Amino acid sequence: TLFIDSQNGGHPVLAREHAIELACLDDTVSKIAARVEVRAREAQQRAVLIHAHRDGKRRARLAVRRSRQGMNLDLPQWPARKH
C-alpha cells in the first residue's frame, strides 16, 4: 500500500492487477486522480521515477493523462538498488 500526502494524513492507494486505484480522496483530487493509470507490476518493480524531496521522503510522480497534470505519491524507503 502506498500513501498520498494530504492535510488530513495519508490516504491508501490500493494496488490492483492492472492499475493503482486512489481511494478516500476529496472530489477535487479524485477528479484529477481518476485518470492515473500505473500498472501495479510497474510500481512493484520500481519502474516509475522515484526522487527524494527536501523533507527526505521519496516520492514518485505519476502523470495524469486527461488533465496532463501530475501528482506526487510518497513511497516507502526501499534499500538502494544493487547494480
Protein backbone atom coordinates (compact mmCIF):
# COMPACT_ATOMS: atom_id res chain seq x y z
CA THR A 1 0.00 0.00 0.00
CA LEU A 2 1.26 3.46 -0.91
CA PHE A 3 0.14 6.65 0.82
CA ILE A 4 -0.68 10.09 -0.57
CA ASP A 5 0.25 13.18 1.43
CA SER A 6 -2.71 15.33 2.46
CA GLN A 7 -3.61 17.76 5.20
CA ASN A 8 -5.54 15.01 6.98
CA GLY A 9 -2.78 12.41 6.75
CA GLY A 10 -2.06 9.74 4.18
CA HIS A 11 -4.78 8.07 2.14
CA PRO A 12 -4.34 4.50 0.93
CA VAL A 13 -3.54 3.76 -2.70
CA LEU A 14 -4.71 0.25 -3.46
CA ALA A 15 -2.71 -1.85 -5.94
CA ARG A 16 -4.93 -3.77 -8.35
CA GLU A 17 -3.93 -6.16 -11.11
CA HIS A 18 -3.67 -3.51 -13.83
CA ALA A 19 -3.81 -0.14 -12.08
CA ILE A 20 -3.35 1.68 -8.82
CA GLU A 21 -6.68 3.00 -7.53
CA LEU A 22 -6.64 6.16 -5.42
CA ALA A 23 -9.12 5.82 -2.56
CA CYS A 24 -10.69 8.13 0.05
CA LEU A 25 -9.83 11.40 -1.68
CA ASP A 26 -11.90 14.57 -1.80
CA ASP A 27 -13.78 15.41 -5.03
CA THR A 28 -11.20 17.81 -6.44
CA VAL A 29 -8.27 15.43 -6.05
CA SER A 30 -10.25 12.36 -7.07
CA LYS A 31 -11.27 14.01 -10.37
CA ILE A 32 -7.60 14.51 -11.19
CA ALA A 33 -6.58 11.15 -9.78
CA ALA A 34 -9.29 9.25 -11.66
CA ARG A 35 -7.06 9.07 -14.75
CA VAL A 36 -3.86 7.93 -13.08
CA GLU A 37 -3.04 4.63 -14.74
CA VAL A 38 0.03 2.82 -13.48
CA ARG A 39 0.33 -0.90 -13.62
CA ALA A 40 0.76 -2.39 -10.17
CA ARG A 41 3.54 -4.52 -11.59
CA GLU A 42 5.48 -1.39 -12.66
CA ALA A 43 5.19 0.12 -9.18
CA GLN A 44 6.31 -3.13 -7.57
CA GLN A 45 9.28 -3.35 -9.94
CA ARG A 46 10.06 0.33 -9.32
CA ALA A 47 9.67 1.22 -12.99
CA VAL A 48 8.17 4.57 -12.00
CA LEU A 49 10.55 7.52 -11.49
CA ILE A 50 11.42 7.92 -7.81
CA HIS A 51 13.13 11.00 -6.41
CA ALA A 52 13.90 12.41 -2.97
CA HIS A 53 12.35 15.65 -1.71
CA ARG A 54 13.79 18.23 0.66
CA ASP A 55 11.89 16.63 3.55
CA GLY A 56 13.81 13.38 3.00
CA LYS A 57 10.79 11.40 1.75
CA ARG A 58 10.97 9.51 -1.52
CA ARG A 59 8.19 10.19 -3.99
CA ALA A 60 7.10 9.07 -7.44
CA ARG A 61 5.48 11.47 -9.90
CA LEU A 62 2.66 9.89 -11.87
CA ALA A 63 1.27 11.52 -15.00
CA VAL A 64 -2.46 12.13 -15.23
CA ARG A 65 -3.45 11.61 -18.85
CA ARG A 66 -6.72 13.51 -19.08
CA SER A 67 -5.66 16.74 -17.39
CA ARG A 68 -1.94 16.46 -18.24
CA GLN A 69 -1.14 17.19 -14.63
CA GLY A 70 0.69 15.04 -12.16
CA MET A 71 0.60 14.06 -8.54
CA ASN A 72 3.28 13.01 -6.10
CA LEU A 73 2.98 9.77 -4.15
CA ASP A 74 5.06 9.02 -1.07
CA LEU A 75 6.94 5.75 -1.41
CA PRO A 76 8.48 3.54 1.25
CA GLN A 77 12.19 3.85 1.96
CA TRP A 78 13.39 1.00 -0.23
CA PRO A 79 17.01 -0.09 0.08
CA ALA A 80 19.30 1.16 -2.68
CA ARG A 81 19.40 -1.00 -5.80
CA LYS A 82 22.43 -3.19 -6.31
CA HIS A 83 23.71 -2.96 -9.87
